[in-house]
């Protein structure tokens, strides 16, 4: 796993101690950020299958998982969503 992948930021603190407590136990797993598990899953899936699923190119996926700049990550996620919507 590269050091820049999903680096903890102050936003993580909001997930751990939100200003409005989340009491629904069904969403507890959604509030955990396990960098190693995410990296392992993406590695197991592979870049080609991931690119097919999220509609980003192999290069864009490479940037997505190594770029610490959140604005670029958001841009890539929105690009993938737009491409997925265009397929419908």
PDB file of N, CA and C in Angstrom:
ATOM      1  N   UNK A   1       0.859  -1.175   0.000  1.00  0.00           N
ATOM      2  CA  UNK A   1       0.000   0.000   0.000  1.00  0.00           C
ATOM      3  C   UNK A   1       0.902   1.233   0.000  1.00  0.00           C
ATOM      4  N   UNK A   2       0.585   2.174  -0.867  1.00  0.00           N
ATOM      5  CA  UNK A   2       1.363   3.404  -0.902  1.00  0.00           C
ATOM      6  C   UNK A   2       0.980   4.291   0.276  1.00  0.00           C
ATOM      7  N   UNK A   3       1.928   5.075   0.726  1.00  0.00           N
ATOM      8  CA  UNK A   3       1.700   5.925   1.903  1.00  0.00           C
ATOM      9  C   UNK A   3       0.607   6.969   1.689  1.00  0.00           C
ATOM     10  N   UNK A   4       0.382   7.358   0.435  1.00  0.00           N
ATOM     11  CA  UNK A   4      -0.596   8.409   0.159  1.00  0.00           C
ATOM     12  C   UNK A   4      -2.021   7.886   0.004  1.00  0.00           C
ATOM     13  N   UNK A   5      -2.214   6.567   0.097  1.00  0.00           N
ATOM     14  CA  UNK A   5      -3.554   6.013  -0.098  1.00  0.00           C
ATOM     15  C   UNK A   5      -4.417   6.224   1.143  1.00  0.00           C
ATOM     16  N   UNK A   6      -5.478   6.970   0.976  1.00  0.00           N
ATOM     17  CA  UNK A   6      -6.510   7.130   2.012  1.00  0.00           C
ATOM     18  C   UNK A   6      -5.897   7.555   3.348  1.00  0.00           C
ATOM     19  N   UNK A   7      -5.008   8.536   3.274  1.00  0.00           N
ATOM     20  CA  UNK A   7      -4.325   9.017   4.472  1.00  0.00           C
ATOM     21  C   UNK A   7      -5.342   9.626   5.431  1.00  0.00           C
ATOM     22  N   UNK A   8      -5.273   9.260   6.700  1.00  0.00           N
ATOM     23  CA  UNK A   8      -6.197   9.860   7.670  1.00  0.00           C
ATOM     24  C   UNK A   8      -6.058  11.381   7.706  1.00  0.00           C
ATOM     25  N   UNK A   9      -7.190  12.047   7.731  1.00  0.00           N
ATOM     26  CA  UNK A   9      -7.247  13.508   7.796  1.00  0.00           C
ATOM     27  C   UNK A   9      -8.180  13.895   8.936  1.00  0.00           C
ATOM     28  N   UNK A  10      -8.330  15.170   9.209  1.00  0.00           N
ATOM     29  CA  UNK A  10      -9.283  15.585  10.242  1.00  0.00           C
ATOM     30  C   UNK A  10     -10.719  15.123   9.968  1.00  0.00           C
ATOM     31  N   UNK A  11     -11.024  14.868   8.698  1.00  0.00           N
ATOM     32  CA  UNK A  11     -12.371  14.376   8.366  1.00  0.00           C
ATOM     33  C   UNK A  11     -12.620  13.023   9.030  1.00  0.00           C
ATOM     34  N   UNK A  12     -11.575  12.217   9.166  1.00  0.00           N
ATOM     35  CA  UNK A  12     -11.731  10.918   9.822  1.00  0.00           C
ATOM     36  C   UNK A  12     -12.277  11.077  11.236  1.00  0.00           C
ATOM     37  N   UNK A  13     -11.871  12.151  11.893  1.00  0.00           N
ATOM     38  CA  UNK A  13     -12.363  12.407  13.250  1.00  0.00           C
ATOM     39  C   UNK A  13     -13.875  12.598  13.264  1.00  0.00           C
ATOM     40  N   UNK A  14     -14.409  13.159  12.189  1.00  0.00           N
ATOM     41  CA  UNK A  14     -15.865  13.334  12.113  1.00  0.00           C
ATOM     42  C   UNK A  14     -16.579  11.988  12.044  1.00  0.00           C
ATOM     43  N   UNK A  15     -15.950  11.026  11.380  1.00  0.00           N
ATOM     44  CA  UNK A  15     -16.542   9.693  11.323  1.00  0.00           C
ATOM     45  C   UNK A  15     -16.464   9.000  12.673  1.00  0.00           C
ATOM     46  N   UNK A  16     -15.354   9.241  13.388  1.00  0.00           N
ATOM     47  CA  UNK A  16     -15.172   8.601  14.685  1.00  0.00           C
ATOM     48  C   UNK A  16     -16.019   9.258  15.771  1.00  0.00           C
ATOM     49  N   UNK A  17     -16.163  10.581  15.699  1.00  0.00           N
ATOM     50  CA  UNK A  17     -16.933  11.320  16.706  1.00  0.00           C
ATOM     51  C   UNK A  17     -17.746  12.413  15.994  1.00  0.00           C
ATOM     52  N   UNK A  18     -18.831  12.014  15.323  1.00  0.00           N
ATOM     53  CA  UNK A  18     -19.614  12.999  14.576  1.00  0.00           C
ATOM     54  C   UNK A  18     -20.308  13.989  15.505  1.00  0.00           C
ATOM     55  N   UNK A  19     -20.553  15.211  15.011  1.00  0.00           N
ATOM     56  CA  UNK A  19     -21.232  16.212  15.842  1.00  0.00           C
ATOM     57  C   UNK A  19     -22.647  15.778  16.216  1.00  0.00           C
ATOM     58  N   UNK A  20     -23.267  14.997  15.347  1.00  0.00           N
ATOM     59  CA  UNK A  20     -24.569  14.400  15.640  1.00  0.00           C
ATOM     60  C   UNK A  20     -24.341  12.892  15.672  1.00  0.00           C
ATOM     61  N   UNK A  21     -24.402  12.306  16.836  1.00  0.00           N
ATOM     62  CA  UNK A  21     -24.084  10.878  16.947  1.00  0.00           C
ATOM     63  C   UNK A  21     -24.972   9.999  16.070  1.00  0.00           C
ATOM     64  N   UNK A  22     -24.346   9.055  15.405  1.00  0.00           N
ATOM     65  CA  UNK A  22     -25.041   8.066  14.574  1.00  0.00           C
ATOM     66  C   UNK A  22     -25.367   6.882  15.469  1.00  0.00           C
ATOM     67  N   UNK A  23     -26.634   6.571  15.600  1.00  0.00           N
ATOM     68  CA  UNK A  23     -27.035   5.504  16.508  1.00  0.00           C
ATOM     69  C   UNK A  23     -27.510   4.235  15.786  1.00  0.00           C
ATOM     70  N   UNK A  24     -27.614   4.295  14.475  1.00  0.00           N
ATOM     71  CA  UNK A  24     -28.088   3.146  13.712  1.00  0.00           C
ATOM     72  C   UNK A  24     -26.961   2.122  13.584  1.00  0.00           C
ATOM     73  N   UNK A  25     -27.093   0.960  14.251  1.00  0.00           N
ATOM     74  CA  UNK A  25     -26.023  -0.035  14.169  1.00  0.00           C
ATOM     75  C   UNK A  25     -25.843  -0.583  12.753  1.00  0.00           C
ATOM     76  N   UNK A  26     -26.847  -0.444  11.907  1.00  0.00           N
ATOM     77  CA  UNK A  26     -26.758  -0.927  10.536  1.00  0.00           C
ATOM     78  C   UNK A  26     -25.786  -0.137   9.674  1.00  0.00           C
ATOM     79  N   UNK A  27     -25.416   1.063  10.116  1.00  0.00           N
ATOM     80  CA  UNK A  27     -24.483   1.883   9.339  1.00  0.00           C
ATOM     81  C   UNK A  27     -23.095   1.945   9.978  1.00  0.00           C
ATOM     82  N   UNK A  28     -22.885   1.173  11.023  1.00  0.00           N
ATOM     83  CA  UNK A  28     -21.603   1.243  11.726  1.00  0.00           C
ATOM     84  C   UNK A  28     -20.418   0.914  10.816  1.00  0.00           C
ATOM     85  N   UNK A  29     -20.556  -0.102   9.978  1.00  0.00           N
ATOM     86  CA  UNK A  29     -19.458  -0.485   9.082  1.00  0.00           C
ATOM     87  C   UNK A  29     -19.135   0.623   8.088  1.00  0.00           C
ATOM     88  N   UNK A  30     -20.125   1.442   7.727  1.00  0.00           N
ATOM     89  CA  UNK A  30     -19.901   2.542   6.790  1.00  0.00           C
ATOM     90  C   UNK A  30     -19.060   3.659   7.398  1.00  0.00           C
ATOM     91  N   UNK A  31     -18.960   3.685   8.712  1.00  0.00           N
ATOM     92  CA  UNK A  31     -18.206   4.740   9.379  1.00  0.00           C
ATOM     93  C   UNK A  31     -16.752   4.362   9.639  1.00  0.00           C
ATOM     94  N   UNK A  32     -16.376   3.136   9.333  1.00  0.00           N
ATOM     95  CA  UNK A  32     -15.006   2.682   9.553  1.00  0.00           C
ATOM     96  C   UNK A  32     -14.192   2.832   8.275  1.00  0.00           C
ATOM     97  N   UNK A  33     -12.981   3.324   8.397  1.00  0.00           N
ATOM     98  CA  UNK A  33     -12.086   3.444   7.255  1.00  0.00           C
ATOM     99  C   UNK A  33     -10.887   2.541   7.530  1.00  0.00           C
ATOM    100  N   UNK A  34     -10.881   1.392   6.890  1.00  0.00           N
ATOM    101  CA  UNK A  34      -9.798   0.421   7.049  1.00  0.00           C
ATOM    102  C   UNK A  34      -8.949   0.457   5.789  1.00  0.00           C
ATOM    103  N   UNK A  35      -7.907   1.283   5.811  1.00  0.00           N
ATOM    104  CA  UNK A  35      -7.067   1.488   4.626  1.00  0.00           C
ATOM    105  C   UNK A  35      -6.540   0.175   4.072  1.00  0.00           C
ATOM    106  N   UNK A  36      -6.047  -0.692   4.944  1.00  0.00           N
ATOM    107  CA  UNK A  36      -5.443  -1.948   4.480  1.00  0.00           C
ATOM    108  C   UNK A  36      -6.480  -2.836   3.800  1.00  0.00           C
ATOM    109  N   UNK A  37      -7.680  -2.921   4.371  1.00  0.00           N
ATOM    110  CA  UNK A  37      -8.718  -3.757   3.782  1.00  0.00           C
ATOM    111  C   UNK A  37      -9.162  -3.214   2.423  1.00  0.00           C
ATOM    112  N   UNK A  38      -9.268  -1.900   2.312  1.00  0.00           N
ATOM    113  CA  UNK A  38      -9.661  -1.294   1.039  1.00  0.00           C
ATOM    114  C   UNK A  38      -8.593  -1.561  -0.012  1.00  0.00           C
ATOM    115  N   UNK A  39      -7.340  -1.333   0.345  1.00  0.00           N
ATOM    116  CA  UNK A  39      -6.229  -1.559  -0.584  1.00  0.00           C
ATOM    117  C   UNK A  39      -6.187  -3.015  -1.024  1.00  0.00           C
ATOM    118  N   UNK A  40      -6.380  -3.938  -0.068  1.00  0.00           N
ATOM    119  CA  UNK A  40      -6.363  -5.371  -0.377  1.00  0.00           C
ATOM    120  C   UNK A  40      -7.496  -5.739  -1.335  1.00  0.00           C
ATOM    121  N   UNK A  41      -8.672  -5.195  -1.093  1.00  0.00           N
ATOM    122  CA  UNK A  41      -9.820  -5.484  -1.964  1.00  0.00           C
ATOM    123  C   UNK A  41      -9.566  -4.987  -3.373  1.00  0.00           C
ATOM    124  N   UNK A  42      -9.095  -3.763  -3.502  1.00  0.00           N
ATOM    125  CA  UNK A  42      -8.813  -3.227  -4.832  1.00  0.00           C
ATOM    126  C   UNK A  42      -7.716  -4.024  -5.516  1.00  0.00           C
ATOM    127  N   UNK A  43      -6.735  -4.466  -4.752  1.00  0.00           N
ATOM    128  CA  UNK A  43      -5.676  -5.285  -5.324  1.00  0.00           C
ATOM    129  C   UNK A  43      -6.191  -6.623  -5.818  1.00  0.00           C
ATOM    130  N   UNK A  44      -7.091  -7.207  -5.069  1.00  0.00           N
ATOM    131  CA  UNK A  44      -7.673  -8.499  -5.432  1.00  0.00           C
ATOM    132  C   UNK A  44      -8.547  -8.369  -6.686  1.00  0.00           C
ATOM    133  N   UNK A  45      -9.298  -7.290  -6.764  1.00  0.00           N
ATOM    134  CA  UNK A  45     -10.168  -7.057  -7.924  1.00  0.00           C
ATOM    135  C   UNK A  45      -9.319  -6.795  -9.163  1.00  0.00           C
ATOM    136  N   UNK A  46      -8.258  -6.034  -9.006  1.00  0.00           N
ATOM    137  CA  UNK A  46      -7.385  -5.718 -10.126  1.00  0.00           C
ATOM    138  C   UNK A  46      -7.792  -4.442 -10.830  1.00  0.00           C
ATOM    139  N   UNK A  47      -6.812  -3.771 -11.402  1.00  0.00           N
ATOM    140  CA  UNK A  47      -7.051  -2.473 -12.035  1.00  0.00           C
ATOM    141  C   UNK A  47      -7.985  -2.570 -13.233  1.00  0.00           C
ATOM    142  N   UNK A  48      -7.869  -3.621 -14.009  1.00  0.00           N
ATOM    143  CA  UNK A  48      -8.719  -3.734 -15.206  1.00  0.00           C
ATOM    144  C   UNK A  48     -10.187  -3.890 -14.839  1.00  0.00           C
ATOM    145  N   UNK A  49     -10.470  -4.784 -13.891  1.00  0.00           N
ATOM    146  CA  UNK A  49     -11.872  -4.977 -13.481  1.00  0.00           C
ATOM    147  C   UNK A  49     -12.405  -3.750 -12.767  1.00  0.00           C
ATOM    148  N   UNK A  50     -11.553  -3.106 -11.988  1.00  0.00           N
ATOM    149  CA  UNK A  50     -11.967  -1.887 -11.306  1.00  0.00           C
ATOM    150  C   UNK A  50     -12.294  -0.794 -12.325  1.00  0.00           C
ATOM    151  N   UNK A  51     -11.441  -0.646 -13.342  1.00  0.00           N
ATOM    152  CA  UNK A  51     -11.680   0.347 -14.387  1.00  0.00           C
ATOM    153  C   UNK A  51     -12.979   0.055 -15.134  1.00  0.00           C
ATOM    154  N   UNK A  52     -13.238  -1.205 -15.370  1.00  0.00           N
ATOM    155  CA  UNK A  52     -14.493  -1.591 -16.041  1.00  0.00           C
ATOM    156  C   UNK A  52     -15.695  -1.231 -15.174  1.00  0.00           C
ATOM    157  N   UNK A  53     -15.557  -1.410 -13.872  1.00  0.00           N
ATOM    158  CA  UNK A  53     -16.674  -1.144 -12.968  1.00  0.00           C
ATOM    159  C   UNK A  53     -16.902   0.350 -12.736  1.00  0.00           C
ATOM    160  N   UNK A  54     -15.814   1.124 -12.590  1.00  0.00           N
ATOM    161  CA  UNK A  54     -16.012   2.537 -12.253  1.00  0.00           C
ATOM    162  C   UNK A  54     -15.895   3.462 -13.465  1.00  0.00           C
ATOM    163  N   UNK A  55     -15.602   2.893 -14.638  1.00  0.00           N
ATOM    164  CA  UNK A  55     -15.546   3.611 -15.919  1.00  0.00           C
ATOM    165  C   UNK A  55     -14.411   4.631 -15.984  1.00  0.00           C
ATOM    166  N   UNK A  56     -13.426   4.521 -15.117  1.00  0.00           N
ATOM    167  CA  UNK A  56     -12.235   5.349 -15.225  1.00  0.00           C
ATOM    168  C   UNK A  56     -11.183   4.564 -15.983  1.00  0.00           C
ATOM    169  N   UNK A  57     -10.267   5.264 -16.631  1.00  0.00           N
ATOM    170  CA  UNK A  57      -9.182   4.581 -17.339  1.00  0.00           C
ATOM    171  C   UNK A  57      -8.201   3.987 -16.331  1.00  0.00           C
ATOM    172  N   UNK A  58      -7.309   3.145 -16.820  1.00  0.00           N
ATOM    173  CA  UNK A  58      -6.287   2.582 -15.932  1.00  0.00           C
ATOM    174  C   UNK A  58      -5.439   3.695 -15.322  1.00  0.00           C
ATOM    175  N   UNK A  59      -5.079   4.685 -16.127  1.00  0.00           N
ATOM    176  CA  UNK A  59      -4.293   5.809 -15.611  1.00  0.00           C
ATOM    177  C   UNK A  59      -5.071   6.601 -14.564  1.00  0.00           C
ATOM    178  N   UNK A  60      -6.362   6.847 -14.824  1.00  0.00           N
ATOM    179  CA  UNK A  60      -7.182   7.586 -13.860  1.00  0.00           C
ATOM    180  C   UNK A  60      -7.297   6.815 -12.554  1.00  0.00           C
ATOM    181  N   UNK A  61      -7.443   5.502 -12.632  1.00  0.00           N
ATOM    182  CA  UNK A  61      -7.491   4.699 -11.409  1.00  0.00           C
ATOM    183  C   UNK A  61      -6.168   4.751 -10.665  1.00  0.00           C
ATOM    184  N   UNK A  62      -5.060   4.776 -11.396  1.00  0.00           N
ATOM    185  CA  UNK A  62      -3.758   4.906 -10.753  1.00  0.00           C
ATOM    186  C   UNK A  62      -3.657   6.198  -9.965  1.00  0.00           C
ATOM    187  N   UNK A  63      -4.146   7.277 -10.548  1.00  0.00           N
ATOM    188  CA  UNK A  63      -4.143   8.572  -9.862  1.00  0.00           C
ATOM    189  C   UNK A  63      -5.078   8.521  -8.659  1.00  0.00           C
ATOM    190  N   UNK A  64      -6.234   7.931  -8.837  1.00  0.00           N
ATOM    191  CA  UNK A  64      -7.231   7.870  -7.774  1.00  0.00           C
ATOM    192  C   UNK A  64      -6.667   7.259  -6.501  1.00  0.00           C
ATOM    193  N   UNK A  65      -5.825   6.251  -6.633  1.00  0.00           N
ATOM    194  CA  UNK A  65      -5.331   5.546  -5.451  1.00  0.00           C
ATOM    195  C   UNK A  65      -3.968   5.996  -4.968  1.00  0.00           C
ATOM    196  N   UNK A  66      -3.406   7.000  -5.616  1.00  0.00           N
ATOM    197  CA  UNK A  66      -2.099   7.477  -5.158  1.00  0.00           C
ATOM    198  C   UNK A  66      -2.065   8.979  -4.942  1.00  0.00           C
ATOM    199  N   UNK A  67      -3.122   9.674  -5.302  1.00  0.00           N
ATOM    200  CA  UNK A  67      -3.131  11.135  -5.237  1.00  0.00           C
ATOM    201  C   UNK A  67      -3.659  11.597  -3.884  1.00  0.00           C
ATOM    202  N   UNK A  68      -2.856  12.361  -3.147  1.00  0.00           N
ATOM    203  CA  UNK A  68      -3.349  12.845  -1.856  1.00  0.00           C
ATOM    204  C   UNK A  68      -4.271  14.059  -1.973  1.00  0.00           C
ATOM    205  N   UNK A  69      -4.361  14.668  -3.158  1.00  0.00           N
ATOM    206  CA  UNK A  69      -5.186  15.865  -3.332  1.00  0.00           C
ATOM    207  C   UNK A  69      -6.656  15.481  -3.464  1.00  0.00           C
ATOM    208  N   UNK A  70      -7.407  15.824  -2.456  1.00  0.00           N
ATOM    209  CA  UNK A  70      -8.816  15.429  -2.398  1.00  0.00           C
ATOM    210  C   UNK A  70      -9.623  15.981  -3.571  1.00  0.00           C
ATOM    211  N   UNK A  71      -9.316  17.189  -4.023  1.00  0.00           N
ATOM    212  CA  UNK A  71     -10.096  17.752  -5.130  1.00  0.00           C
ATOM    213  C   UNK A  71      -9.955  16.911  -6.395  1.00  0.00           C
ATOM    214  N   UNK A  72      -8.772  16.357  -6.658  1.00  0.00           N
ATOM    215  CA  UNK A  72      -8.576  15.501  -7.839  1.00  0.00           C
ATOM    216  C   UNK A  72      -9.305  14.174  -7.659  1.00  0.00           C
ATOM    217  N   UNK A  73      -9.283  13.644  -6.456  1.00  0.00           N
ATOM    218  CA  UNK A  73      -9.996  12.394  -6.174  1.00  0.00           C
ATOM    219  C   UNK A  73     -11.492  12.593  -6.387  1.00  0.00           C
ATOM    220  N   UNK A  74     -12.025  13.686  -5.881  1.00  0.00           N
ATOM    221  CA  UNK A  74     -13.451  13.981  -6.065  1.00  0.00           C
ATOM    222  C   UNK A  74     -13.779  14.125  -7.549  1.00  0.00           C
ATOM    223  N   UNK A  75     -12.915  14.813  -8.281  1.00  0.00           N
ATOM    224  CA  UNK A  75     -13.123  14.976  -9.720  1.00  0.00           C
ATOM    225  C   UNK A  75     -13.184  13.618 -10.425  1.00  0.00           C
ATOM    226  N   UNK A  76     -12.276  12.717 -10.066  1.00  0.00           N
ATOM    227  CA  UNK A  76     -12.271  11.395 -10.698  1.00  0.00           C
ATOM    228  C   UNK A  76     -13.503  10.579 -10.324  1.00  0.00           C
ATOM    229  N   UNK A  77     -13.913  10.645  -9.076  1.00  0.00           N
ATOM    230  CA  UNK A  77     -15.119   9.912  -8.653  1.00  0.00           C
ATOM    231  C   UNK A  77     -16.337  10.430  -9.414  1.00  0.00           C
ATOM    232  N   UNK A  78     -16.464  11.738  -9.524  1.00  0.00           N
ATOM    233  CA  UNK A  78     -17.598  12.305 -10.261  1.00  0.00           C
ATOM    234  C   UNK A  78     -17.526  11.970 -11.752  1.00  0.00           C
ATOM    235  N   UNK A  79     -16.323  11.930 -12.312  1.00  0.00           N
ATOM    236  CA  UNK A  79     -16.160  11.527 -13.709  1.00  0.00           C
ATOM    237  C   UNK A  79     -16.649  10.102 -13.914  1.00  0.00           C
ATOM    238  N   UNK A  80     -16.254   9.204 -13.023  1.00  0.00           N
ATOM    239  CA  UNK A  80     -16.699   7.815 -13.112  1.00  0.00           C
ATOM    240  C   UNK A  80     -18.207   7.694 -13.007  1.00  0.00           C
ATOM    241  N   UNK A  81     -18.798   8.435 -12.085  1.00  0.00           N
ATOM    242  CA  UNK A  81     -20.263   8.402 -11.922  1.00  0.00           C
ATOM    243  C   UNK A  81     -20.944   8.905 -13.194  1.00  0.00           C
ATOM    244  N   UNK A  82     -20.417   9.990 -13.766  1.00  0.00           N
ATOM    245  CA  UNK A  82     -21.009  10.521 -15.004  1.00  0.00           C
ATOM    246  C   UNK A  82     -20.920   9.501 -16.131  1.00  0.00           C
ATOM    247  N   UNK A  83     -19.809   8.810 -16.233  1.00  0.00           N
ATOM    248  CA  UNK A  83     -19.653   7.801 -17.281  1.00  0.00           C
ATOM    249  C   UNK A  83     -20.594   6.621 -17.046  1.00  0.00           C
ATOM    250  N   UNK A  84     -20.783   6.259 -15.800  1.00  0.00           N
ATOM    251  CA  UNK A  84     -21.728   5.185 -15.491  1.00  0.00           C
ATOM    252  C   UNK A  84     -23.144   5.589 -15.862  1.00  0.00           C
ATOM    253  N   UNK A  85     -23.510   6.823 -15.555  1.00  0.00           N
ATOM    254  CA  UNK A  85     -24.857   7.312 -15.881  1.00  0.00           C
ATOM    255  C   UNK A  85     -25.075   7.356 -17.392  1.00  0.00           C
ATOM    256  N   UNK A  86     -24.030   7.705 -18.132  1.00  0.00           N
ATOM    257  CA  UNK A  86     -24.139   7.789 -19.594  1.00  0.00           C
ATOM    258  C   UNK A  86     -24.395   6.407 -20.208  1.00  0.00           C
ATOM    259  N   UNK A  87     -23.992   5.354 -19.542  1.00  0.00           N
ATOM    260  CA  UNK A  87     -24.212   3.992 -20.044  1.00  0.00           C
ATOM    261  C   UNK A  87     -25.666   3.566 -19.952  1.00  0.00           C
ATOM    262  N   UNK A  88     -26.423   4.206 -19.099  1.00  0.00           N
ATOM    263  CA  UNK A  88     -27.818   3.788 -18.876  1.00  0.00           C
ATOM    264  C   UNK A  88     -28.713   4.185 -19.998  1.00  0.00           C
TER     265      UNK A  88
END
